Protein backbone atom coordinates (compact mmCIF):
# COMPACT_ATOMS: atom_id res chain seq x y z
CA MET A 1 -145.67 24.21 94.80
CA ALA A 2 -146.97 20.87 94.90
CA ILE A 3 -144.56 18.05 95.64
CA GLY A 4 -144.42 15.85 92.45
CA ILE A 5 -144.70 11.58 93.07
CA SER A 6 -141.41 11.14 92.42
CA LYS A 7 -140.25 13.59 94.93
CA VAL A 8 -143.00 11.71 97.71
CA THR A 9 -141.39 8.61 96.04
CA ALA A 10 -137.71 9.66 97.50
CA ILE A 11 -138.60 11.30 100.19
CA ASN A 12 -140.55 7.81 101.58
CA SER A 13 -138.09 5.78 100.82
CA VAL A 14 -135.89 3.58 102.93
CA ASP A 15 -132.06 3.84 102.89
CA ALA A 16 -129.48 1.78 104.41
CA GLY A 17 -128.77 3.14 108.15
CA TYR A 18 -132.73 4.12 108.29
CA TYR A 19 -134.02 2.05 111.24
CA ASP A 20 -137.71 1.68 112.41
CA VAL A 21 -138.79 0.49 115.37
CA ILE A 22 -142.69 0.09 115.64
CA ASP A 23 -144.61 -0.40 118.72
CA THR A 24 -146.99 -3.67 117.69
CA VAL A 25 -149.06 -3.94 121.18
CA ASP A 26 -151.32 -1.86 119.24
CA PRO A 27 -152.52 -3.60 116.27
CA GLY A 28 -153.48 -0.82 114.19
CA LEU A 29 -149.59 -0.20 113.77
CA ILE A 30 -149.20 -3.18 112.43
CA LEU A 31 -151.46 -2.77 109.76
CA SER A 32 -150.50 0.73 109.08
CA GLU A 33 -147.06 1.62 109.86
CA THR A 34 -145.31 -1.78 109.33
CA ALA A 35 -146.90 -2.50 105.64
CA TRP A 36 -145.72 1.15 104.67
CA ILE A 37 -142.66 0.69 105.71
CA VAL A 38 -142.35 -2.78 104.06
CA GLU A 39 -143.85 -1.54 101.05
CA ALA A 40 -140.73 1.04 100.98
CA GLY A 41 -138.42 -1.71 101.36
CA GLY A 42 -137.50 -1.42 104.83
CA LYS A 43 -137.18 -4.24 107.44
CA PRO A 44 -138.92 -2.54 110.70
CA ILE A 45 -138.04 -3.92 114.05
CA LEU A 46 -141.22 -5.07 116.03
CA MET A 47 -141.69 -4.79 119.03
CA ARG A 48 -144.28 -6.69 120.94
CA ASP A 49 -145.95 -7.30 124.19
CA GLY A 50 -143.29 -7.96 126.96
CA ASP A 51 -140.46 -6.68 124.56
CA THR A 52 -138.20 -4.05 126.63
CA ILE A 53 -135.87 -1.33 125.79
CA ASN A 54 -132.99 -3.98 125.90
CA LYS A 55 -134.31 -6.08 122.86
CA MET A 56 -134.90 -2.80 120.88
CA VAL A 57 -131.12 -1.70 122.17
CA ASN A 58 -129.87 -5.23 121.06
CA LEU A 59 -131.32 -5.34 117.95
CA LEU A 60 -130.46 -1.95 116.76
CA ILE A 61 -126.69 -2.37 117.64
CA GLU A 62 -126.82 -5.66 115.38
CA ARG A 63 -128.36 -3.91 112.58
CA ALA A 64 -126.10 -0.75 112.68
CA LEU A 65 -122.78 -3.52 112.54
CA THR A 66 -123.20 -3.38 109.24
CA GLU A 67 -124.51 0.22 108.40
CA PRO A 68 -124.30 2.79 111.28
CA ILE A 69 -127.77 4.61 111.89
CA LYS A 70 -128.46 7.75 109.64
CA MET A 71 -131.91 7.86 111.01
CA LEU A 72 -133.93 6.09 114.07
CA ARG A 73 -137.84 6.54 113.78
CA ILE A 74 -139.37 5.04 116.25
CA HIS A 75 -143.15 4.85 115.93
CA GLY A 76 -145.64 4.16 118.72
CA HIS A 77 -148.36 6.02 120.66
CA GLY A 78 -146.82 8.92 122.75
CA LYS A 79 -147.97 12.26 124.72
CA PRO A 80 -145.58 15.07 126.09
CA GLY A 81 -142.36 14.11 127.40
CA LEU A 82 -143.58 9.93 126.54
CA GLN A 83 -142.34 7.52 123.31
CA ALA A 84 -144.09 4.08 123.76
CA ILE A 85 -141.63 1.49 122.65
CA ALA A 86 -143.96 -1.46 123.35
CA SER A 87 -146.86 -0.21 125.48
CA GLY A 88 -149.61 0.32 123.17
CA LYS A 89 -151.74 3.13 123.93
CA SER A 90 -151.33 2.95 127.77
CA THR A 91 -151.06 6.18 129.46
CA LYS A 92 -148.82 4.80 132.40
CA PRO A 93 -146.84 1.86 130.76
CA ALA A 94 -144.32 0.39 132.53
CA PRO A 95 -140.68 1.74 133.12
CA LEU A 96 -139.26 -0.64 130.27
CA VAL A 97 -141.52 -0.49 127.23
CA ALA A 98 -141.54 3.52 126.64
CA ILE A 99 -138.90 6.06 126.75
CA GLY A 100 -140.04 8.84 128.81
CA ASN A 101 -139.08 11.40 131.72
CA TYR A 102 -140.72 9.34 134.42
CA ASN A 103 -138.23 6.74 133.54
CA PHE A 104 -134.75 8.12 131.90
CA SER A 105 -132.71 7.77 135.50
CA LYS A 106 -134.26 3.77 134.74
CA ILE A 107 -132.96 3.42 131.09
CA GLN A 108 -130.36 6.03 130.64
CA SER A 109 -127.50 3.11 131.21
CA GLU A 110 -129.21 1.10 128.33
CA LEU A 111 -130.00 3.68 125.95
CA SER A 112 -126.38 5.08 126.09
CA ARG A 113 -125.41 1.61 124.21
CA LEU A 114 -126.43 3.19 121.15
CA SER A 115 -124.08 6.43 121.03
CA GLY A 116 -121.28 4.85 119.27
CA TYR A 117 -123.57 3.19 116.56
CA PHE A 118 -125.12 6.66 114.78
CA SER A 119 -123.33 7.98 111.48
CA THR A 120 -122.15 11.52 111.62
CA ASN A 121 -125.03 13.74 111.29
CA GLY A 122 -127.37 10.81 112.46
CA GLU A 123 -130.76 11.74 113.81
CA VAL A 124 -133.75 10.26 115.63
CA HIS A 125 -137.67 11.02 115.31
CA LEU A 126 -139.79 9.87 118.23
CA MET A 127 -143.31 9.53 115.97
CA GLY A 128 -145.51 9.71 118.54
CA CYS A 129 -148.39 12.11 119.19
CA ASN A 130 -147.57 14.77 121.10
CA VAL A 131 -144.17 13.82 122.66
CA GLY A 132 -142.28 16.81 121.88
CA GLU A 133 -145.09 19.28 123.15
CA GLY A 134 -144.37 21.79 125.70
CA LYS A 135 -141.67 21.29 128.58
CA LYS A 136 -141.94 17.78 129.30
CA GLY A 137 -141.55 17.46 125.31
CA GLN A 138 -138.33 19.43 125.58
CA ASN A 139 -136.69 17.68 128.53
CA LEU A 140 -137.14 14.10 127.02
CA LEU A 141 -135.76 15.41 123.68
CA GLN A 142 -132.81 16.98 125.34
CA ASN A 143 -131.65 14.57 127.38
CA LEU A 144 -131.78 11.93 124.15
CA ALA A 145 -129.77 14.49 122.31
CA ASN A 146 -127.23 14.54 124.77
CA LEU A 147 -127.32 11.22 125.50
CA TRP A 148 -127.12 9.76 122.10
CA ARG A 149 -125.24 12.96 120.23
CA VAL A 150 -127.68 13.54 117.47
CA SER A 151 -130.43 15.46 116.77
CA VAL A 152 -133.60 14.38 118.18
CA THR A 153 -137.15 15.61 116.58
CA ALA A 154 -140.80 15.23 117.69
CA GLY A 155 -144.30 16.05 116.72
CA VAL A 156 -145.93 18.66 119.23
CA GLN A 157 -149.67 17.85 117.91
CA THR A 158 -151.56 14.66 116.93
CA GLN A 159 -149.56 12.70 114.26
CA TRP A 160 -151.17 10.22 111.86
CA ALA A 161 -154.54 12.21 111.72
CA CYS A 162 -156.04 9.74 109.31
CA SER A 163 -156.55 6.97 112.38
CA ILE A 164 -158.87 9.56 113.78
CA ILE A 165 -160.54 10.33 110.98
CA THR A 166 -161.58 7.10 109.61
CA PRO A 167 -160.61 3.46 110.59
CA VAL A 168 -157.68 1.84 108.94
CA ILE A 169 -159.87 -0.97 108.23
CA GLY A 170 -162.92 -1.13 106.06
CA GLY A 171 -162.10 -0.40 102.63
CA MET A 172 -160.80 3.06 103.73
CA ASP A 173 -157.97 4.49 100.85
CA THR A 174 -155.24 4.70 102.80
CA THR A 175 -152.63 5.83 99.98
CA SER A 176 -152.18 9.37 101.17
CA CYS A 177 -152.21 8.50 104.85
CA LYS A 178 -149.31 6.19 104.32
CA TYR A 179 -146.66 9.07 103.70
CA SER A 180 -147.23 10.11 107.39
CA THR A 181 -145.23 7.21 108.02
CA PHE A 182 -142.04 8.70 107.26
CA ALA A 183 -142.89 12.41 108.00
CA PHE A 184 -144.33 14.41 110.52
CA GLU A 185 -147.82 15.83 110.44
CA GLY A 186 -147.20 19.81 111.68
CA PRO A 187 -144.92 22.05 113.99
CA THR A 188 -141.99 19.76 115.14
CA GLU A 189 -139.53 20.53 118.43
CA THR A 190 -135.69 19.57 117.70
CA ALA A 191 -133.33 19.22 120.61
CA PHE A 192 -129.36 18.99 119.40
CA PRO A 193 -126.70 17.64 121.95
CA LYS A 194 -125.14 20.48 124.11
């Protein structure tokens, strides 16, 4: 059964308590993800070069004081067990610009500050490619779910495949691609607090 346009609009709207963090060290994410979230009524948190997890946490807490976090989506590049927040396409980011297994012990305390700001049934989506893949992905998701006491989901394959097929700049019709800003493409892995 095909999804009608009214359902697509509802799925992709940005409601109070929905927060998007975007790694803008990759300029492509400014042109795509940011524009589409703004178009849907969102006010994304833009992470720039030199920003750290501390800044992300502080900005989320500031917003969550008026509306608890129902949905936190973190947009950026990824690989199994790693979600970039301010490192662009780097596969070996500095410790404070990504959330990963490699640095979890260093950032756990800072990330734990968000715990009390999620609504009942709040959730987190890590939108980077392959973040939830394999044991590394499952380990990261479980650590975050236990820390924040909410479900944490990530894709196990490439996300936003439109960027691979054709460039965003140069007249490409990205209308069908923008919905992947709000949803996963393909299978996911989800961890629940233990």
